[in-house]
Amino acid sequence: MQVPGWLRKRASEKLIINKGGDTTFEEDLAKNVLEIITVFSARLYGSRSRKNQKLLDGVKQSVEAAAC
């Protein structure tokens, strides 16, 4: 394996960590499905949060306008 020039100049050490043996098809599939669910749920809850924040800001502005 080639060591980049900037790493050699700094007199650093490169450590490569291998998690272990190969995983089975089922383990890879389960991991990928969990990652997909995580990404989509984060997007869903993030968009809900944004919509709720806009709604709260609108209500706050209406209350402030009515108070004046």
N, C-alpha and C. Protein backbone atom coordinates (compact mmCIF):
# COMPACT_ATOMS: atom_id res chain seq x y z
N MET A 1 0.84 -1.17 0.00
CA MET A 1 0.00 0.00 0.00
C MET A 1 0.89 1.24 0.00
N GLN A 2 0.53 2.20 -0.82
CA GLN A 2 1.29 3.44 -0.91
C GLN A 2 0.91 4.37 0.24
N VAL A 3 1.91 5.00 0.82
CA VAL A 3 1.69 5.99 1.88
C VAL A 3 1.77 7.37 1.24
N PRO A 4 0.75 8.22 1.45
CA PRO A 4 0.78 9.56 0.86
C PRO A 4 2.00 10.36 1.33
N GLY A 5 2.45 11.26 0.46
CA GLY A 5 3.63 12.06 0.76
C GLY A 5 3.48 12.91 2.00
N TRP A 6 2.31 13.51 2.18
CA TRP A 6 2.11 14.37 3.35
C TRP A 6 2.18 13.58 4.65
N LEU A 7 1.82 12.30 4.59
CA LEU A 7 1.88 11.47 5.78
C LEU A 7 3.32 11.09 6.10
N ARG A 8 4.12 10.83 5.05
CA ARG A 8 5.53 10.52 5.27
C ARG A 8 6.27 11.72 5.82
N LYS A 9 5.95 12.92 5.35
CA LYS A 9 6.63 14.13 5.79
C LYS A 9 6.38 14.42 7.26
N ARG A 10 5.24 14.05 7.76
CA ARG A 10 4.90 14.31 9.16
C ARG A 10 5.42 13.21 10.10
N ALA A 11 6.04 12.24 9.57
CA ALA A 11 6.55 11.11 10.35
C ALA A 11 5.43 10.47 11.16
N SER A 12 4.28 10.35 10.50
CA SER A 12 3.13 9.77 11.16
C SER A 12 3.04 8.29 10.85
N GLU A 13 2.13 7.64 11.52
CA GLU A 13 1.94 6.21 11.33
C GLU A 13 0.51 5.98 10.88
N LYS A 14 0.33 5.08 9.93
CA LYS A 14 -0.99 4.76 9.42
C LYS A 14 -1.44 3.44 10.02
N LEU A 15 -2.59 3.44 10.64
CA LEU A 15 -3.11 2.24 11.28
C LEU A 15 -4.40 1.85 10.57
N ILE A 16 -4.47 0.65 10.06
CA ILE A 16 -5.65 0.16 9.36
C ILE A 16 -6.31 -0.88 10.24
N ILE A 17 -7.60 -0.63 10.51
CA ILE A 17 -8.35 -1.53 11.38
C ILE A 17 -9.35 -2.29 10.54
N ASN A 18 -9.33 -3.59 10.65
CA ASN A 18 -10.27 -4.44 9.93
C ASN A 18 -11.25 -5.00 10.95
N LYS A 19 -12.54 -4.86 10.68
CA LYS A 19 -13.56 -5.31 11.62
C LYS A 19 -13.60 -6.82 11.80
N GLY A 20 -13.05 -7.53 10.90
CA GLY A 20 -13.09 -8.97 11.04
C GLY A 20 -13.40 -9.63 9.71
N GLY A 21 -13.96 -10.80 9.80
CA GLY A 21 -14.25 -11.59 8.61
C GLY A 21 -15.39 -11.04 7.79
N ASP A 22 -15.67 -11.73 6.71
CA ASP A 22 -16.77 -11.35 5.84
C ASP A 22 -18.10 -11.56 6.54
N THR A 23 -19.06 -10.71 6.20
CA THR A 23 -20.39 -10.87 6.75
C THR A 23 -21.25 -11.64 5.76
N THR A 24 -22.31 -12.22 6.28
CA THR A 24 -23.21 -12.98 5.42
C THR A 24 -24.14 -12.04 4.66
N PHE A 25 -24.80 -12.57 3.66
CA PHE A 25 -25.75 -11.79 2.88
C PHE A 25 -26.86 -11.24 3.78
N GLU A 26 -27.36 -12.06 4.69
CA GLU A 26 -28.45 -11.65 5.58
C GLU A 26 -28.01 -10.51 6.50
N GLU A 27 -26.78 -10.58 7.01
CA GLU A 27 -26.28 -9.51 7.88
C GLU A 27 -26.13 -8.20 7.11
N ASP A 28 -25.62 -8.29 5.89
CA ASP A 28 -25.51 -7.09 5.05
C ASP A 28 -26.88 -6.52 4.73
N LEU A 29 -27.82 -7.38 4.41
CA LEU A 29 -29.17 -6.94 4.08
C LEU A 29 -29.82 -6.26 5.29
N ALA A 30 -29.70 -6.85 6.46
CA ALA A 30 -30.28 -6.27 7.67
C ALA A 30 -29.65 -4.91 7.97
N LYS A 31 -28.35 -4.81 7.83
CA LYS A 31 -27.66 -3.54 8.07
C LYS A 31 -28.14 -2.47 7.09
N ASN A 32 -28.26 -2.83 5.82
CA ASN A 32 -28.70 -1.87 4.80
C ASN A 32 -30.13 -1.42 5.04
N VAL A 33 -31.01 -2.34 5.41
CA VAL A 33 -32.41 -1.98 5.67
C VAL A 33 -32.49 -1.03 6.87
N LEU A 34 -31.73 -1.30 7.91
CA LEU A 34 -31.73 -0.41 9.08
C LEU A 34 -31.21 0.98 8.72
N GLU A 35 -30.20 1.05 7.87
CA GLU A 35 -29.68 2.35 7.45
C GLU A 35 -30.71 3.12 6.65
N ILE A 36 -31.44 2.42 5.78
CA ILE A 36 -32.48 3.07 4.98
C ILE A 36 -33.60 3.59 5.88
N ILE A 37 -34.03 2.79 6.82
CA ILE A 37 -35.09 3.21 7.75
C ILE A 37 -34.63 4.42 8.56
N THR A 38 -33.38 4.41 9.01
CA THR A 38 -32.85 5.52 9.78
C THR A 38 -32.85 6.82 8.98
N VAL A 39 -32.41 6.74 7.74
CA VAL A 39 -32.34 7.94 6.90
C VAL A 39 -33.73 8.50 6.63
N PHE A 40 -34.66 7.64 6.25
CA PHE A 40 -36.00 8.13 5.93
C PHE A 40 -36.74 8.64 7.16
N SER A 41 -36.55 8.00 8.30
CA SER A 41 -37.23 8.49 9.50
C SER A 41 -36.64 9.83 9.93
N ALA A 42 -35.34 10.01 9.78
CA ALA A 42 -34.72 11.30 10.11
C ALA A 42 -35.24 12.39 9.20
N ARG A 43 -35.40 12.09 7.92
CA ARG A 43 -35.95 13.07 6.98
C ARG A 43 -37.39 13.39 7.32
N LEU A 44 -38.18 12.37 7.65
CA LEU A 44 -39.59 12.58 7.97
C LEU A 44 -39.73 13.46 9.21
N TYR A 45 -39.05 13.11 10.27
CA TYR A 45 -39.17 13.89 11.50
C TYR A 45 -38.55 15.27 11.36
N GLY A 46 -37.52 15.38 10.54
CA GLY A 46 -36.93 16.69 10.28
C GLY A 46 -37.88 17.61 9.55
N SER A 47 -38.59 17.08 8.56
CA SER A 47 -39.55 17.91 7.82
C SER A 47 -40.73 18.27 8.69
N ARG A 48 -41.16 17.36 9.55
CA ARG A 48 -42.26 17.68 10.47
C ARG A 48 -41.83 18.78 11.42
N SER A 49 -40.62 18.69 11.90
CA SER A 49 -40.11 19.70 12.83
C SER A 49 -40.10 21.07 12.17
N ARG A 50 -39.66 21.11 10.92
CA ARG A 50 -39.60 22.37 10.18
C ARG A 50 -41.00 22.94 9.99
N LYS A 51 -41.96 22.09 9.63
CA LYS A 51 -43.34 22.54 9.45
C LYS A 51 -43.92 23.04 10.76
N ASN A 52 -43.67 22.33 11.85
CA ASN A 52 -44.18 22.76 13.14
C ASN A 52 -43.56 24.08 13.57
N GLN A 53 -42.29 24.28 13.29
CA GLN A 53 -41.62 25.52 13.65
C GLN A 53 -42.21 26.69 12.86
N LYS A 54 -42.50 26.48 11.57
CA LYS A 54 -43.13 27.53 10.77
C LYS A 54 -44.51 27.86 11.32
N LEU A 55 -45.27 26.84 11.71
CA LEU A 55 -46.59 27.05 12.27
C LEU A 55 -46.50 27.84 13.57
N LEU A 56 -45.58 27.47 14.43
CA LEU A 56 -45.42 28.19 15.70
C LEU A 56 -44.98 29.63 15.47
N ASP A 57 -44.11 29.85 14.52
CA ASP A 57 -43.68 31.22 14.21
C ASP A 57 -44.85 32.05 13.71
N GLY A 58 -45.70 31.46 12.86
CA GLY A 58 -46.88 32.16 12.36
C GLY A 58 -47.85 32.52 13.47
N VAL A 59 -48.07 31.60 14.39
CA VAL A 59 -48.97 31.85 15.53
C VAL A 59 -48.39 32.95 16.41
N LYS A 60 -47.09 32.88 16.64
CA LYS A 60 -46.43 33.89 17.47
C LYS A 60 -46.56 35.28 16.86
N GLN A 61 -46.37 35.37 15.55
CA GLN A 61 -46.50 36.67 14.88
C GLN A 61 -47.93 37.17 14.93
N SER A 62 -48.89 36.28 14.79
CA SER A 62 -50.30 36.69 14.87
C SER A 62 -50.65 37.20 16.27
N VAL A 63 -50.17 36.53 17.27
CA VAL A 63 -50.43 36.96 18.65
C VAL A 63 -49.77 38.31 18.91
N GLU A 64 -48.54 38.49 18.45
CA GLU A 64 -47.86 39.76 18.64
C GLU A 64 -48.56 40.89 17.89
N ALA A 65 -49.06 40.59 16.68
CA ALA A 65 -49.78 41.61 15.91
C ALA A 65 -51.09 41.98 16.56
N ALA A 66 -51.76 41.00 17.16
CA ALA A 66 -53.04 41.26 17.82
C ALA A 66 -52.84 42.02 19.13
N ALA A 67 -51.70 41.86 19.77
CA ALA A 67 -51.41 42.52 21.04
C ALA A 67 -51.12 44.02 20.85
N CYS A 68 -50.68 44.40 19.68
CA CYS A 68 -50.33 45.80 19.42
C CYS A 68 -51.51 46.67 19.19
